[in-house]
Amino acid sequence: MLLCKGAVPNGVCEHEVEGCECPDCLGALPCMCEDTCMIVCLCPACWGDPWCEDPDWCWNDGICQWDLESCICNDCLDATLCVGYPG
């Protein structure tokens, strides 16, 4: 995968073709999945993590708060990162 599409940052993260090392993708949700599950529970690598599977973290306010909620929460069921979630 290229560091940045066109070899230079353009301000838009195109994660399909750009790596997380590209400044365009700094803070992009898929890139945050490379961090700990206590930061982003939506990441597939965090599915099944006890911290992330705690329903007490679900706010059920109609907004998926990716930094607090996980794929077990109704608010996040349709989140891109939750596609394929087995729960």
PDB file of N, CA and C in Angstrom:
ATOM      1  N   MET A   1       0.846  -1.171   0.000  1.00  0.00           N
ATOM      2  CA  MET A   1       0.000   0.000   0.000  1.00  0.00           C
ATOM      3  C   MET A   1       0.896   1.240   0.000  1.00  0.00           C
ATOM      4  N   LEU A   2       0.519   2.232  -0.766  1.00  0.00           N
ATOM      5  CA  LEU A   2       1.279   3.466  -0.837  1.00  0.00           C
ATOM      6  C   LEU A   2       1.147   4.261   0.448  1.00  0.00           C
ATOM      7  N   LEU A   3       2.195   5.005   0.778  1.00  0.00           N
ATOM      8  CA  LEU A   3       2.118   5.881   1.924  1.00  0.00           C
ATOM      9  C   LEU A   3       0.997   6.898   1.703  1.00  0.00           C
ATOM     10  N   CYS A   4       1.020   7.614   0.611  1.00  0.00           N
ATOM     11  CA  CYS A   4      -0.037   8.547   0.224  1.00  0.00           C
ATOM     12  C   CYS A   4      -0.309   8.393  -1.272  1.00  0.00           C
ATOM     13  N   LYS A   5      -1.560   8.465  -1.650  1.00  0.00           N
ATOM     14  CA  LYS A   5      -1.914   8.402  -3.074  1.00  0.00           C
ATOM     15  C   LYS A   5      -1.246   9.573  -3.793  1.00  0.00           C
ATOM     16  N   GLY A   6      -0.600   9.296  -4.888  1.00  0.00           N
ATOM     17  CA  GLY A   6       0.114  10.329  -5.629  1.00  0.00           C
ATOM     18  C   GLY A   6       1.421  10.733  -4.969  1.00  0.00           C
ATOM     19  N   ALA A   7       1.798  10.010  -3.932  1.00  0.00           N
ATOM     20  CA  ALA A   7       3.049  10.219  -3.201  1.00  0.00           C
ATOM     21  C   ALA A   7       3.091  11.512  -2.378  1.00  0.00           C
ATOM     22  N   VAL A   8       1.977  12.255  -2.349  1.00  0.00           N
ATOM     23  CA  VAL A   8       1.923  13.467  -1.525  1.00  0.00           C
ATOM     24  C   VAL A   8       0.562  13.563  -0.840  1.00  0.00           C
ATOM     25  N   PRO A   9       0.501  14.084   0.378  1.00  0.00           N
ATOM     26  CA  PRO A   9      -0.785  14.270   1.066  1.00  0.00           C
ATOM     27  C   PRO A   9      -1.660  15.280   0.324  1.00  0.00           C
ATOM     28  N   ASN A  10      -2.976  15.026   0.322  1.00  0.00           N
ATOM     29  CA  ASN A  10      -3.902  15.964  -0.315  1.00  0.00           C
ATOM     30  C   ASN A  10      -5.040  16.366   0.629  1.00  0.00           C
ATOM     31  N   GLY A  11      -4.968  15.944   1.891  1.00  0.00           N
ATOM     32  CA  GLY A  11      -5.969  16.342   2.869  1.00  0.00           C
ATOM     33  C   GLY A  11      -7.161  15.411   2.962  1.00  0.00           C
ATOM     34  N   VAL A  12      -7.213  14.361   2.119  1.00  0.00           N
ATOM     35  CA  VAL A  12      -8.332  13.420   2.120  1.00  0.00           C
ATOM     36  C   VAL A  12      -7.781  12.011   2.308  1.00  0.00           C
ATOM     37  N   CYS A  13      -8.262  11.311   3.333  1.00  0.00           N
ATOM     38  CA  CYS A  13      -7.812   9.946   3.556  1.00  0.00           C
ATOM     39  C   CYS A  13      -8.570   8.991   2.643  1.00  0.00           C
ATOM     40  N   GLU A  14      -7.853   8.341   1.767  1.00  0.00           N
ATOM     41  CA  GLU A  14      -8.409   7.301   0.906  1.00  0.00           C
ATOM     42  C   GLU A  14      -7.805   5.996   1.395  1.00  0.00           C
ATOM     43  N   HIS A  15      -8.361   5.500   2.492  1.00  0.00           N
ATOM     44  CA  HIS A  15      -7.759   4.376   3.206  1.00  0.00           C
ATOM     45  C   HIS A  15      -7.600   3.125   2.347  1.00  0.00           C
ATOM     46  N   GLU A  16      -8.418   2.991   1.307  1.00  0.00           N
ATOM     47  CA  GLU A  16      -8.314   1.815   0.442  1.00  0.00           C
ATOM     48  C   GLU A  16      -6.970   1.779  -0.272  1.00  0.00           C
ATOM     49  N   VAL A  17      -6.381   2.957  -0.521  1.00  0.00           N
ATOM     50  CA  VAL A  17      -5.122   3.017  -1.261  1.00  0.00           C
ATOM     51  C   VAL A  17      -4.006   3.717  -0.497  1.00  0.00           C
ATOM     52  N   GLU A  18      -4.307   4.305   0.654  1.00  0.00           N
ATOM     53  CA  GLU A  18      -3.300   5.008   1.437  1.00  0.00           C
ATOM     54  C   GLU A  18      -3.061   4.297   2.756  1.00  0.00           C
ATOM     55  N   GLY A  19      -1.845   4.327   3.207  1.00  0.00           N
ATOM     56  CA  GLY A  19      -1.500   3.723   4.477  1.00  0.00           C
ATOM     57  C   GLY A  19      -1.756   4.676   5.632  1.00  0.00           C
ATOM     58  N   CYS A  20      -1.782   4.133   6.824  1.00  0.00           N
ATOM     59  CA  CYS A  20      -2.012   4.942   8.019  1.00  0.00           C
ATOM     60  C   CYS A  20      -0.843   5.884   8.289  1.00  0.00           C
ATOM     61  N   GLU A  21       0.284   5.652   7.630  1.00  0.00           N
ATOM     62  CA  GLU A  21       1.421   6.534   7.786  1.00  0.00           C
ATOM     63  C   GLU A  21       1.249   7.830   6.999  1.00  0.00           C
ATOM     64  N   CYS A  22       0.304   7.856   6.065  1.00  0.00           N
ATOM     65  CA  CYS A  22       0.036   9.061   5.285  1.00  0.00           C
ATOM     66  C   CYS A  22      -0.629  10.091   6.198  1.00  0.00           C
ATOM     67  N   PRO A  23      -0.146  11.318   6.216  1.00  0.00           N
ATOM     68  CA  PRO A  23      -0.747  12.350   7.060  1.00  0.00           C
ATOM     69  C   PRO A  23      -2.237  12.557   6.800  1.00  0.00           C
ATOM     70  N   ASP A  24      -2.699  12.246   5.603  1.00  0.00           N
ATOM     71  CA  ASP A  24      -4.128  12.370   5.302  1.00  0.00           C
ATOM     72  C   ASP A  24      -4.973  11.491   6.215  1.00  0.00           C
ATOM     73  N   CYS A  25      -4.419  10.378   6.657  1.00  0.00           N
ATOM     74  CA  CYS A  25      -5.185   9.397   7.424  1.00  0.00           C
ATOM     75  C   CYS A  25      -4.947   9.493   8.932  1.00  0.00           C
ATOM     76  N   LEU A  26      -4.217  10.496   9.359  1.00  0.00           N
ATOM     77  CA  LEU A  26      -3.981  10.683  10.779  1.00  0.00           C
ATOM     78  C   LEU A  26      -5.317  10.857  11.496  1.00  0.00           C
ATOM     79  N   GLY A  27      -5.622   9.984  12.397  1.00  0.00           N
ATOM     80  CA  GLY A  27      -6.874  10.045  13.148  1.00  0.00           C
ATOM     81  C   GLY A  27      -8.043   9.370  12.469  1.00  0.00           C
ATOM     82  N   ALA A  28      -7.844   8.817  11.258  1.00  0.00           N
ATOM     83  CA  ALA A  28      -8.933   8.107  10.578  1.00  0.00           C
ATOM     84  C   ALA A  28      -9.271   6.851  11.372  1.00  0.00           C
ATOM     85  N   LEU A  29     -10.540   6.554  11.472  1.00  0.00           N
ATOM     86  CA  LEU A  29     -10.983   5.444  12.297  1.00  0.00           C
ATOM     87  C   LEU A  29     -10.283   4.122  11.996  1.00  0.00           C
ATOM     88  N   PRO A  30     -10.154   3.707  10.738  1.00  0.00           N
ATOM     89  CA  PRO A  30      -9.448   2.439  10.501  1.00  0.00           C
ATOM     90  C   PRO A  30      -8.015   2.463  11.016  1.00  0.00           C
ATOM     91  N   CYS A  31      -7.370   3.616  10.966  1.00  0.00           N
ATOM     92  CA  CYS A  31      -5.995   3.703  11.449  1.00  0.00           C
ATOM     93  C   CYS A  31      -5.943   3.673  12.967  1.00  0.00           C
ATOM     94  N   MET A  32      -6.966   4.154  13.604  1.00  0.00           N
ATOM     95  CA  MET A  32      -7.008   4.120  15.056  1.00  0.00           C
ATOM     96  C   MET A  32      -7.163   2.694  15.564  1.00  0.00           C
ATOM     97  N   CYS A  33      -7.591   1.780  14.697  1.00  0.00           N
ATOM     98  CA  CYS A  33      -7.730   0.380  15.085  1.00  0.00           C
ATOM     99  C   CYS A  33      -6.377  -0.263  15.335  1.00  0.00           C
ATOM    100  N   GLU A  34      -5.316   0.394  14.950  1.00  0.00           N
ATOM    101  CA  GLU A  34      -3.996  -0.136  15.218  1.00  0.00           C
ATOM    102  C   GLU A  34      -3.569   0.149  16.649  1.00  0.00           C
ATOM    103  N   ASP A  35      -4.393   0.901  17.372  1.00  0.00           N
ATOM    104  CA  ASP A  35      -4.112   1.257  18.756  1.00  0.00           C
ATOM    105  C   ASP A  35      -4.810   0.284  19.703  1.00  0.00           C
ATOM    106  N   THR A  36      -4.848   0.596  20.950  1.00  0.00           N
ATOM    107  CA  THR A  36      -5.463  -0.263  21.954  1.00  0.00           C
ATOM    108  C   THR A  36      -6.986  -0.285  21.859  1.00  0.00           C
ATOM    109  N   CYS A  37      -7.594  -1.368  22.284  1.00  0.00           N
ATOM    110  CA  CYS A  37      -9.052  -1.494  22.245  1.00  0.00           C
ATOM    111  C   CYS A  37      -9.729  -0.520  23.205  1.00  0.00           C
ATOM    112  N   MET A  38      -9.018  -0.026  24.183  1.00  0.00           N
ATOM    113  CA  MET A  38      -9.633   0.921  25.109  1.00  0.00           C
ATOM    114  C   MET A  38      -9.814   2.290  24.462  1.00  0.00           C
ATOM    115  N   ILE A  39      -9.324   2.465  23.224  1.00  0.00           N
ATOM    116  CA  ILE A  39      -9.498   3.724  22.513  1.00  0.00           C
ATOM    117  C   ILE A  39     -10.617   3.598  21.484  1.00  0.00           C
ATOM    118  N   VAL A  40     -10.632   2.518  20.729  1.00  0.00           N
ATOM    119  CA  VAL A  40     -11.652   2.302  19.696  1.00  0.00           C
ATOM    120  C   VAL A  40     -12.140   0.863  19.771  1.00  0.00           C
ATOM    121  N   CYS A  41     -13.348   0.671  20.307  1.00  0.00           N
ATOM    122  CA  CYS A  41     -13.890  -0.683  20.450  1.00  0.00           C
ATOM    123  C   CYS A  41     -14.534  -1.211  19.178  1.00  0.00           C
ATOM    124  N   LEU A  42     -14.749  -0.366  18.174  1.00  0.00           N
ATOM    125  CA  LEU A  42     -15.399  -0.813  16.941  1.00  0.00           C
ATOM    126  C   LEU A  42     -14.486  -1.682  16.088  1.00  0.00           C
ATOM    127  N   CYS A  43     -13.210  -1.657  16.341  1.00  0.00           N
ATOM    128  CA  CYS A  43     -12.236  -2.376  15.524  1.00  0.00           C
ATOM    129  C   CYS A  43     -12.441  -3.886  15.608  1.00  0.00           C
ATOM    130  N   PRO A  44     -12.428  -4.576  14.477  1.00  0.00           N
ATOM    131  CA  PRO A  44     -12.606  -6.030  14.495  1.00  0.00           C
ATOM    132  C   PRO A  44     -11.657  -6.758  15.443  1.00  0.00           C
ATOM    133  N   ALA A  45     -10.449  -6.264  15.612  1.00  0.00           N
ATOM    134  CA  ALA A  45      -9.509  -6.909  16.529  1.00  0.00           C
ATOM    135  C   ALA A  45      -9.987  -6.823  17.980  1.00  0.00           C
ATOM    136  N   CYS A  46     -10.926  -5.939  18.261  1.00  0.00           N
ATOM    137  CA  CYS A  46     -11.419  -5.739  19.629  1.00  0.00           C
ATOM    138  C   CYS A  46     -12.725  -6.485  19.903  1.00  0.00           C
ATOM    139  N   TRP A  47     -13.302  -7.070  18.865  1.00  0.00           N
ATOM    140  CA  TRP A  47     -14.536  -7.821  19.072  1.00  0.00           C
ATOM    141  C   TRP A  47     -14.250  -8.947  20.055  1.00  0.00           C
ATOM    142  N   GLY A  48     -15.009  -9.039  21.085  1.00  0.00           N
ATOM    143  CA  GLY A  48     -14.825 -10.065  22.096  1.00  0.00           C
ATOM    144  C   GLY A  48     -13.996  -9.592  23.277  1.00  0.00           C
ATOM    145  N   ASP A  49     -13.359  -8.425  23.163  1.00  0.00           N
ATOM    146  CA  ASP A  49     -12.594  -7.865  24.271  1.00  0.00           C
ATOM    147  C   ASP A  49     -13.558  -7.528  25.418  1.00  0.00           C
ATOM    148  N   PRO A  50     -13.283  -7.975  26.640  1.00  0.00           N
ATOM    149  CA  PRO A  50     -14.201  -7.733  27.769  1.00  0.00           C
ATOM    150  C   PRO A  50     -14.516  -6.258  27.981  1.00  0.00           C
ATOM    151  N   TRP A  51     -13.534  -5.383  27.815  1.00  0.00           N
ATOM    152  CA  TRP A  51     -13.766  -3.941  27.962  1.00  0.00           C
ATOM    153  C   TRP A  51     -14.797  -3.466  26.940  1.00  0.00           C
ATOM    154  N   CYS A  52     -14.664  -3.940  25.713  1.00  0.00           N
ATOM    155  CA  CYS A  52     -15.530  -3.491  24.626  1.00  0.00           C
ATOM    156  C   CYS A  52     -16.896  -4.172  24.625  1.00  0.00           C
ATOM    157  N   GLU A  53     -17.004  -5.320  25.201  1.00  0.00           N
ATOM    158  CA  GLU A  53     -18.263  -6.064  25.185  1.00  0.00           C
ATOM    159  C   GLU A  53     -19.157  -5.733  26.378  1.00  0.00           C
ATOM    160  N   ASP A  54     -18.796  -4.735  27.168  1.00  0.00           N
ATOM    161  CA  ASP A  54     -19.576  -4.339  28.334  1.00  0.00           C
ATOM    162  C   ASP A  54     -20.728  -3.436  27.889  1.00  0.00           C
ATOM    163  N   PRO A  55     -21.980  -3.895  27.981  1.00  0.00           N
ATOM    164  CA  PRO A  55     -23.125  -3.097  27.520  1.00  0.00           C
ATOM    165  C   PRO A  55     -23.331  -1.819  28.325  1.00  0.00           C
ATOM    166  N   ASP A  56     -22.679  -1.696  29.460  1.00  0.00           N
ATOM    167  CA  ASP A  56     -22.801  -0.463  30.234  1.00  0.00           C
ATOM    168  C   ASP A  56     -22.210   0.741  29.508  1.00  0.00           C
ATOM    169  N   TRP A  57     -21.376   0.491  28.478  1.00  0.00           N
ATOM    170  CA  TRP A  57     -20.783   1.578  27.699  1.00  0.00           C
ATOM    171  C   TRP A  57     -21.721   2.079  26.601  1.00  0.00           C
ATOM    172  N   CYS A  58     -22.845   1.407  26.383  1.00  0.00           N
ATOM    173  CA  CYS A  58     -23.792   1.828  25.341  1.00  0.00           C
ATOM    174  C   CYS A  58     -24.632   2.998  25.845  1.00  0.00           C
ATOM    175  N   TRP A  59     -24.661   4.060  25.061  1.00  0.00           N
ATOM    176  CA  TRP A  59     -25.440   5.241  25.438  1.00  0.00           C
ATOM    177  C   TRP A  59     -26.860   5.176  24.904  1.00  0.00           C
ATOM    178  N   ASN A  60     -27.075   4.445  23.797  1.00  0.00           N
ATOM    179  CA  ASN A  60     -28.397   4.307  23.181  1.00  0.00           C
ATOM    180  C   ASN A  60     -29.091   5.649  22.978  1.00  0.00           C
ATOM    181  N   ASP A  61     -28.356   6.558  22.334  1.00  0.00           N
ATOM    182  CA  ASP A  61     -28.893   7.888  22.042  1.00  0.00           C
ATOM    183  C   ASP A  61     -29.029   8.144  20.545  1.00  0.00           C
ATOM    184  N   GLY A  62     -28.845   7.080  19.733  1.00  0.00           N
ATOM    185  CA  GLY A  62     -28.984   7.216  18.288  1.00  0.00           C
ATOM    186  C   GLY A  62     -27.706   7.626  17.570  1.00  0.00           C
ATOM    187  N   ILE A  63     -26.622   7.842  18.311  1.00  0.00           N
ATOM    188  CA  ILE A  63     -25.350   8.252  17.726  1.00  0.00           C
ATOM    189  C   ILE A  63     -24.278   7.257  18.153  1.00  0.00           C
ATOM    190  N   CYS A  64     -23.549   6.707  17.187  1.00  0.00           N
ATOM    191  CA  CYS A  64     -22.456   5.789  17.518  1.00  0.00           C
ATOM    192  C   CYS A  64     -21.250   6.616  17.925  1.00  0.00           C
ATOM    193  N   GLN A  65     -20.942   6.600  19.185  1.00  0.00           N
ATOM    194  CA  GLN A  65     -19.780   7.317  19.695  1.00  0.00           C
ATOM    195  C   GLN A  65     -18.601   6.346  19.683  1.00  0.00           C
ATOM    196  N   TRP A  66     -17.856   6.344  18.574  1.00  0.00           N
ATOM    197  CA  TRP A  66     -16.823   5.340  18.329  1.00  0.00           C
ATOM    198  C   TRP A  66     -15.751   5.303  19.408  1.00  0.00           C
ATOM    199  N   ASP A  67     -15.578   6.381  20.160  1.00  0.00           N
ATOM    200  CA  ASP A  67     -14.550   6.378  21.201  1.00  0.00           C
ATOM    201  C   ASP A  67     -15.065   5.833  22.529  1.00  0.00           C
ATOM    202  N   LEU A  68     -16.370   5.548  22.613  1.00  0.00           N
ATOM    203  CA  LEU A  68     -16.950   5.019  23.850  1.00  0.00           C
ATOM    204  C   LEU A  68     -17.710   3.719  23.640  1.00  0.00           C
ATOM    205  N   GLU A  69     -18.444   3.644  22.549  1.00  0.00           N
ATOM    206  CA  GLU A  69     -19.328   2.505  22.324  1.00  0.00           C
ATOM    207  C   GLU A  69     -18.654   1.443  21.455  1.00  0.00           C
ATOM    208  N   SER A  70     -19.277   0.277  21.390  1.00  0.00           N
ATOM    209  CA  SER A  70     -18.733  -0.816  20.586  1.00  0.00           C
ATOM    210  C   SER A  70     -19.824  -1.379  19.682  1.00  0.00           C
ATOM    211  N   CYS A  71     -19.482  -2.417  18.952  1.00  0.00           N
ATOM    212  CA  CYS A  71     -20.414  -3.035  18.012  1.00  0.00           C
ATOM    213  C   CYS A  71     -21.581  -3.736  18.714  1.00  0.00           C
ATOM    214  N   ILE A  72     -21.517  -3.937  20.018  1.00  0.00           N
ATOM    215  CA  ILE A  72     -22.649  -4.539  20.720  1.00  0.00           C
ATOM    216  C   ILE A  72     -23.764  -3.520  20.950  1.00  0.00           C
ATOM    217  N   CYS A  73     -23.456  -2.243  20.780  1.00  0.00           N
ATOM    218  CA  CYS A  73     -24.426  -1.172  21.027  1.00  0.00           C
ATOM    219  C   CYS A  73     -25.334  -0.967  19.815  1.00  0.00           C
ATOM    220  N   ASN A  74     -26.611  -0.783  20.056  1.00  0.00           N
ATOM    221  CA  ASN A  74     -27.566  -0.547  18.973  1.00  0.00           C
ATOM    222  C   ASN A  74     -27.167   0.651  18.121  1.00  0.00           C
ATOM    223  N   ASP A  75     -26.579   1.667  18.739  1.00  0.00           N
ATOM    224  CA  ASP A  75     -26.176   2.868  18.006  1.00  0.00           C
ATOM    225  C   ASP A  75     -25.112   2.574  16.954  1.00  0.00           C
ATOM    226  N   CYS A  76     -24.351   1.512  17.134  1.00  0.00           N
ATOM    227  CA  CYS A  76     -23.210   1.235  16.257  1.00  0.00           C
ATOM    228  C   CYS A  76     -23.424   0.057  15.311  1.00  0.00           C
ATOM    229  N   LEU A  77     -24.578  -0.543  15.344  1.00  0.00           N
ATOM    230  CA  LEU A  77     -24.811  -1.736  14.519  1.00  0.00           C
ATOM    231  C   LEU A  77     -24.550  -1.500  13.039  1.00  0.00           C
ATOM    232  N   ASP A  78     -24.804  -0.282  12.550  1.00  0.00           N
ATOM    233  CA  ASP A  78     -24.633   0.017  11.138  1.00  0.00           C
ATOM    234  C   ASP A  78     -23.283   0.660  10.819  1.00  0.00           C
ATOM    235  N   ALA A  79     -22.407   0.791  11.810  1.00  0.00           N
ATOM    236  CA  ALA A  79     -21.092   1.394  11.577  1.00  0.00           C
ATOM    237  C   ALA A  79     -20.289   0.531  10.611  1.00  0.00           C
ATOM    238  N   THR A  80     -19.544   1.167   9.736  1.00  0.00           N
ATOM    239  CA  THR A  80     -18.739   0.474   8.739  1.00  0.00           C
ATOM    240  C   THR A  80     -17.828  -0.575   9.370  1.00  0.00           C
ATOM    241  N   LEU A  81     -17.177  -0.215  10.479  1.00  0.00           N
ATOM    242  CA  LEU A  81     -16.249  -1.147  11.117  1.00  0.00           C
ATOM    243  C   LEU A  81     -16.971  -2.332  11.766  1.00  0.00           C
ATOM    244  N   CYS A  82     -18.280  -2.224  11.989  1.00  0.00           N
ATOM    245  CA  CYS A  82     -19.034  -3.312  12.642  1.00  0.00           C
ATOM    246  C   CYS A  82     -19.586  -4.322  11.649  1.00  0.00           C
ATOM    247  N   VAL A  83     -19.406  -4.079  10.353  1.00  0.00           N
ATOM    248  CA  VAL A  83     -19.883  -5.031   9.342  1.00  0.00           C
ATOM    249  C   VAL A  83     -19.207  -6.380   9.598  1.00  0.00           C
ATOM    250  N   GLY A  84     -20.000  -7.407   9.765  1.00  0.00           N
ATOM    251  CA  GLY A  84     -19.492  -8.739  10.025  1.00  0.00           C
ATOM    252  C   GLY A  84     -19.368  -9.073  11.505  1.00  0.00           C
ATOM    253  N   TYR A  85     -19.741  -8.115  12.360  1.00  0.00           N
ATOM    254  CA  TYR A  85     -19.664  -8.372  13.806  1.00  0.00           C
ATOM    255  C   TYR A  85     -20.542  -9.579  14.145  1.00  0.00           C
ATOM    256  N   PRO A  86     -19.982 -10.585  14.804  1.00  0.00           N
ATOM    257  CA  PRO A  86     -20.719 -11.828  15.047  1.00  0.00           C
ATOM    258  C   PRO A  86     -21.723 -11.758  16.197  1.00  0.00           C
ATOM    259  N   GLY A  87     -21.676 -10.708  17.003  1.00  0.00           N
ATOM    260  CA  GLY A  87     -22.535 -10.613  18.178  1.00  0.00           C
ATOM    261  C   GLY A  87     -23.913 -10.277  17.837  1.00  0.00           C
TER     262      GLY A  87
END
